[in-house]
Structures are given as structure tokens and as C-alpha cells.
Amino acid sequence: KDGAVTNVVGKKVHVAAWVYQETGAPQDFAFVLQVKKPDATTDNPLSISLPAVPSGEWALLEGDFEVYSNVTNPLVALEMSTSKDPFYFDDIRITYDPTSSVAANPVYSGNAFLGYYFDFEDQKEHFTTRGDSTPKIARGGMDDGSSCLFISERSQNWNGAQIDLTEHSLSDFPLWVSFAGMHKSDAKTKITCTL
């Protein structure tokens, strides 16, 4: 919108384009909405079709997409779906209604995220390796237990441990993180948490 990126997730989007082909036979055209589900897989939930466009004639393909509020990375594709031959399109318009509100679709809901708490007393790492490092359970920790996660054998500063939250639909939600950290190097340093 006006040269700036606009978030249309949860909005109604109108698409229109003039299409043309010269295959010598009628062909079908379509706008396809492509989205990412919470597990990062791609889905094509909606399409707007214009069947049997005559060869050598311009035709208007037009319609509305409702972009569910719980998807990410919505993409709009334009295709001639019945042939791999070249085709033309012109005067493409993609607009949206900023006052519209499209609800979530349960199909795209990730597992409910109620938060995580790890004190490592179960002797499980829960985190995976980030870069070159070795996460493992060690004795020690805060005064509420006897175990902690120990990160060693790091080859670069950013190496450490990570946890994948892909299965949870967390788009547009704040995420609070707290942790206790300790190191045993000679100089003061900082321990960071990165999203």
C-alpha cells in the first residue's frame, strides 16, 4: 500500500487481472492463494478460477480471498492451469479492505501453547544444538533443584542451544522468556536469548 509493506493476514483481499492466451483452444486461468501453516508446510486453501478463456481474447479474472488470521506468508499466484504454454496478463490489481476481519481457521491452528518451564530435574535436555555445541545435563543449577543445562564445546560465540516452536501458532503474540545463566570464564560476559 503506497509503496509500503502491508499485513493482510486476517483481511479480505480483492484480486483482478486481464488474461490472454494464444494456444488455439480455450484455457482455464486461476488466482491461487498460498499460505504457510503453523508447521511451516505450504498449503493452497483458496483459488479463484476463470474457465474456458477463448484463444486470442482478453478476459477479466476477478474475485476475493479471505486470508485467515492464523496463517503466515500469504502469496498470490496467477496461473493458466490447463496448459504449460505461454500466456499474458495485464492491469493486475491487488487491494484489500482494511476494515474487514477474517477469523482463524481451525485447520491452521497449531498446538495450543501454554508455555514451557524447564528446570531440567527430569534429566532431559529439551533443547537441541545450535551451531557447534554440546548441550547436556549437569549437576548444579539454581537453589530450586540440583540440575541445569550445560553448554560446552562451542566453536563460535553464537553457538548454544535452541528449541523449535514451529508447531505453535505464535504469530503476532508477545513471547516472554526468562532464564538463569552462569559462566565460569575469567572476564565478565553476557548470555543472550535470541528469537
Protein backbone atom coordinates (compact mmCIF):
# COMPACT_ATOMS: atom_id res chain seq x y z
CA LYS A 1 0.00 0.00 0.00
CA ASP A 2 1.51 3.33 -1.12
CA GLY A 3 4.84 1.57 -1.62
CA ALA A 4 4.95 0.12 1.89
CA VAL A 5 4.57 -3.43 3.12
CA THR A 6 1.04 -4.10 4.38
CA ASN A 7 -0.05 -7.02 6.52
CA VAL A 8 -3.24 -8.51 5.03
CA VAL A 9 -3.43 -11.50 7.36
CA GLY A 10 -6.96 -11.53 8.78
CA LYS A 11 -8.30 -9.31 5.97
CA LYS A 12 -10.34 -9.67 2.79
CA VAL A 13 -8.18 -9.26 -0.34
CA HIS A 14 -9.57 -8.42 -3.80
CA VAL A 15 -7.61 -9.55 -6.86
CA ALA A 16 -8.20 -8.73 -10.53
CA ALA A 17 -6.24 -9.20 -13.77
CA TRP A 18 -6.86 -9.30 -17.50
CA VAL A 19 -5.59 -12.57 -19.00
CA TYR A 20 -4.88 -13.63 -22.59
CA GLN A 21 -3.59 -16.73 -24.36
CA GLU A 22 -2.88 -17.89 -27.91
CA THR A 23 -2.87 -21.69 -27.67
CA GLY A 24 -5.65 -22.09 -30.23
CA ALA A 25 -8.01 -23.65 -27.65
CA PRO A 26 -9.93 -22.44 -24.56
CA GLN A 27 -7.85 -22.44 -21.36
CA ASP A 28 -8.56 -22.08 -17.64
CA PHE A 29 -6.94 -19.36 -15.55
CA ALA A 30 -6.78 -19.01 -11.77
CA PHE A 31 -5.57 -16.88 -8.91
CA VAL A 32 -4.26 -19.14 -6.14
CA LEU A 33 -3.75 -18.14 -2.51
CA GLN A 34 -0.74 -19.88 -0.96
CA VAL A 35 -0.13 -19.77 2.80
CA LYS A 36 2.15 -21.26 5.42
CA LYS A 37 0.64 -23.39 8.16
CA PRO A 38 2.00 -23.27 11.72
CA ASP A 39 4.17 -26.33 10.99
CA ALA A 40 5.82 -24.33 8.14
CA THR A 41 4.33 -26.52 5.39
CA THR A 42 2.71 -24.81 2.41
CA ASP A 43 -0.97 -25.05 1.55
CA ASN A 44 -3.21 -23.66 -1.21
CA PRO A 45 -6.56 -23.23 0.56
CA LEU A 46 -8.34 -20.97 -1.93
CA SER A 47 -8.45 -20.30 -5.65
CA ILE A 48 -10.44 -18.06 -7.99
CA SER A 49 -10.99 -19.63 -11.41
CA LEU A 50 -11.97 -18.37 -14.84
CA PRO A 51 -12.61 -21.40 -17.08
CA ALA A 52 -12.53 -21.68 -20.87
CA VAL A 53 -10.95 -18.35 -21.81
CA PRO A 54 -11.03 -18.30 -25.64
CA SER A 55 -7.75 -18.14 -27.53
CA GLY A 56 -6.96 -14.65 -28.80
CA GLU A 57 -9.36 -12.80 -26.45
CA TRP A 58 -8.68 -10.80 -23.30
CA ALA A 59 -10.79 -11.80 -20.28
CA LEU A 60 -11.13 -10.42 -16.74
CA LEU A 61 -10.27 -12.74 -13.84
CA GLU A 62 -11.52 -11.26 -10.58
CA GLY A 63 -12.56 -12.26 -7.07
CA ASP A 64 -11.95 -12.11 -3.32
CA PHE A 65 -9.70 -14.05 -0.96
CA GLU A 66 -10.31 -14.23 2.77
CA VAL A 67 -6.90 -14.56 4.40
CA TYR A 68 -7.36 -16.47 7.65
CA SER A 69 -5.99 -14.70 10.70
CA ASN A 70 -3.85 -17.69 11.75
CA VAL A 71 -1.70 -18.15 8.63
CA THR A 72 1.63 -16.62 7.68
CA ASN A 73 3.36 -15.70 4.41
CA PRO A 74 0.27 -15.32 2.19
CA LEU A 75 1.24 -15.34 -1.50
CA VAL A 76 -1.00 -14.75 -4.52
CA ALA A 77 -0.10 -16.66 -7.70
CA LEU A 78 -1.59 -16.32 -11.19
CA GLU A 79 -1.63 -19.36 -13.47
CA MET A 80 -3.01 -20.79 -16.69
CA SER A 81 -3.92 -24.08 -15.10
CA THR A 82 -4.77 -26.17 -18.18
CA SER A 83 -1.67 -25.59 -20.30
CA LYS A 84 2.08 -25.08 -19.95
CA ASP A 85 2.10 -22.69 -22.95
CA PRO A 86 2.96 -19.00 -22.53
CA PHE A 87 0.22 -16.58 -21.53
CA TYR A 88 -0.24 -12.86 -20.92
CA PHE A 89 -1.70 -10.81 -18.09
CA ASP A 90 -2.19 -7.08 -17.70
CA ASP A 91 -3.60 -4.44 -15.33
CA ILE A 92 -3.23 -6.57 -12.21
CA ARG A 93 -4.83 -5.08 -9.11
CA ILE A 94 -4.49 -6.48 -5.60
CA THR A 95 -6.32 -4.46 -2.97
CA TYR A 96 -7.67 -5.16 0.49
CA ASP A 97 -10.35 -3.95 2.85
CA PRO A 98 -8.61 -2.59 5.97
CA THR A 99 -11.92 -2.63 7.88
CA SER A 100 -12.57 -6.32 7.19
CA SER A 101 -11.98 -9.05 9.74
CA VAL A 102 -11.42 -12.68 8.79
CA ALA A 103 -11.46 -15.25 11.56
CA ALA A 104 -8.98 -18.04 12.17
CA ASN A 105 -9.46 -21.39 10.50
CA PRO A 106 -9.07 -24.35 12.91
CA VAL A 107 -7.24 -26.27 10.17
CA TYR A 108 -4.36 -23.82 10.55
CA SER A 109 -4.22 -23.73 14.32
CA GLY A 110 -1.07 -25.10 15.86
CA ASN A 111 -0.95 -26.94 19.15
CA ALA A 112 -2.15 -24.74 21.99
CA PHE A 113 0.86 -23.02 23.54
CA LEU A 114 0.53 -22.80 27.29
CA GLY A 115 4.17 -22.02 27.87
CA TYR A 116 7.21 -24.07 28.81
CA TYR A 117 9.03 -24.43 32.07
CA PHE A 118 12.27 -26.40 32.19
CA ASP A 119 14.20 -26.90 35.40
CA PHE A 120 16.00 -29.96 33.96
CA GLU A 121 15.27 -32.03 37.06
CA ASP A 122 13.82 -34.66 34.73
CA GLN A 123 17.38 -35.13 33.35
CA LYS A 124 16.24 -34.28 29.79
CA GLU A 125 17.93 -31.60 27.67
CA HIS A 126 14.71 -30.45 25.89
CA PHE A 127 16.89 -28.18 23.72
CA THR A 128 18.84 -29.09 20.57
CA THR A 129 22.26 -27.98 19.38
CA ARG A 130 22.63 -24.52 17.87
CA GLY A 131 25.77 -24.47 15.76
CA ASP A 132 28.73 -26.37 17.16
CA SER A 133 27.95 -27.08 20.79
CA THR A 134 27.07 -29.87 23.17
CA PRO A 135 24.05 -29.38 25.45
CA LYS A 136 23.88 -31.85 28.35
CA ILE A 137 22.50 -32.11 31.86
CA ALA A 138 24.94 -31.17 34.63
CA ARG A 139 24.88 -31.02 38.41
CA GLY A 140 24.28 -27.61 39.92
CA GLY A 141 21.76 -25.02 38.93
CA MET A 142 19.72 -22.57 40.93
CA ASP A 143 18.57 -23.13 44.51
CA ASP A 144 15.34 -24.82 43.36
CA GLY A 145 16.98 -28.02 42.20
CA SER A 146 20.12 -29.97 41.54
CA SER A 147 20.34 -29.96 37.71
CA CYS A 148 20.89 -27.47 34.90
CA LEU A 149 21.63 -27.44 31.16
CA PHE A 150 25.36 -27.20 30.45
CA ILE A 151 26.52 -25.92 27.03
CA SER A 152 30.11 -26.80 26.08
CA GLU A 153 32.37 -27.43 23.09
CA ARG A 154 31.33 -24.18 21.39
CA SER A 155 33.38 -23.12 18.37
CA GLN A 156 31.77 -19.67 17.94
CA ASN A 157 30.08 -17.13 20.20
CA TRP A 158 26.58 -17.72 18.77
CA ASN A 159 26.74 -21.48 19.35
CA GLY A 160 24.50 -22.76 22.09
CA ALA A 161 21.13 -24.47 22.46
CA GLN A 162 17.76 -23.86 20.81
CA ILE A 163 14.16 -25.01 20.92
CA ASP A 164 11.79 -25.13 17.93
CA LEU A 165 8.36 -23.52 18.45
CA THR A 166 7.14 -24.10 14.88
CA GLU A 167 4.25 -26.34 15.92
CA HIS A 168 2.67 -23.47 17.87
CA SER A 169 0.82 -20.63 16.15
CA LEU A 170 2.58 -17.67 17.77
CA SER A 171 2.34 -15.04 15.02
CA ASP A 172 1.53 -11.57 16.41
CA PHE A 173 1.72 -12.79 20.01
CA PRO A 174 4.27 -11.50 22.53
CA LEU A 175 6.59 -14.15 23.94
CA TRP A 176 8.13 -13.73 27.39
CA VAL A 177 11.33 -15.57 28.22
CA SER A 178 13.22 -15.74 31.50
CA PHE A 179 16.21 -17.84 32.46
CA ALA A 180 19.06 -18.01 34.91
CA GLY A 181 22.51 -18.19 33.35
CA MET A 182 26.02 -18.70 34.66
CA HIS A 183 29.50 -18.91 33.16
CA LYS A 184 32.95 -19.64 34.54
CA SER A 185 35.22 -17.59 32.30
CA ASP A 186 37.66 -15.11 33.83
CA ALA A 187 36.07 -11.98 32.33
CA LYS A 188 32.55 -10.61 32.53
CA THR A 189 30.40 -11.58 29.54
CA LYS A 190 26.78 -11.59 28.51
CA ILE A 191 24.43 -14.50 27.87
CA THR A 192 21.70 -13.75 25.34
CA CYS A 193 18.41 -15.24 24.24
CA THR A 194 17.57 -14.74 20.56
CA LEU A 195 14.31 -15.25 18.68
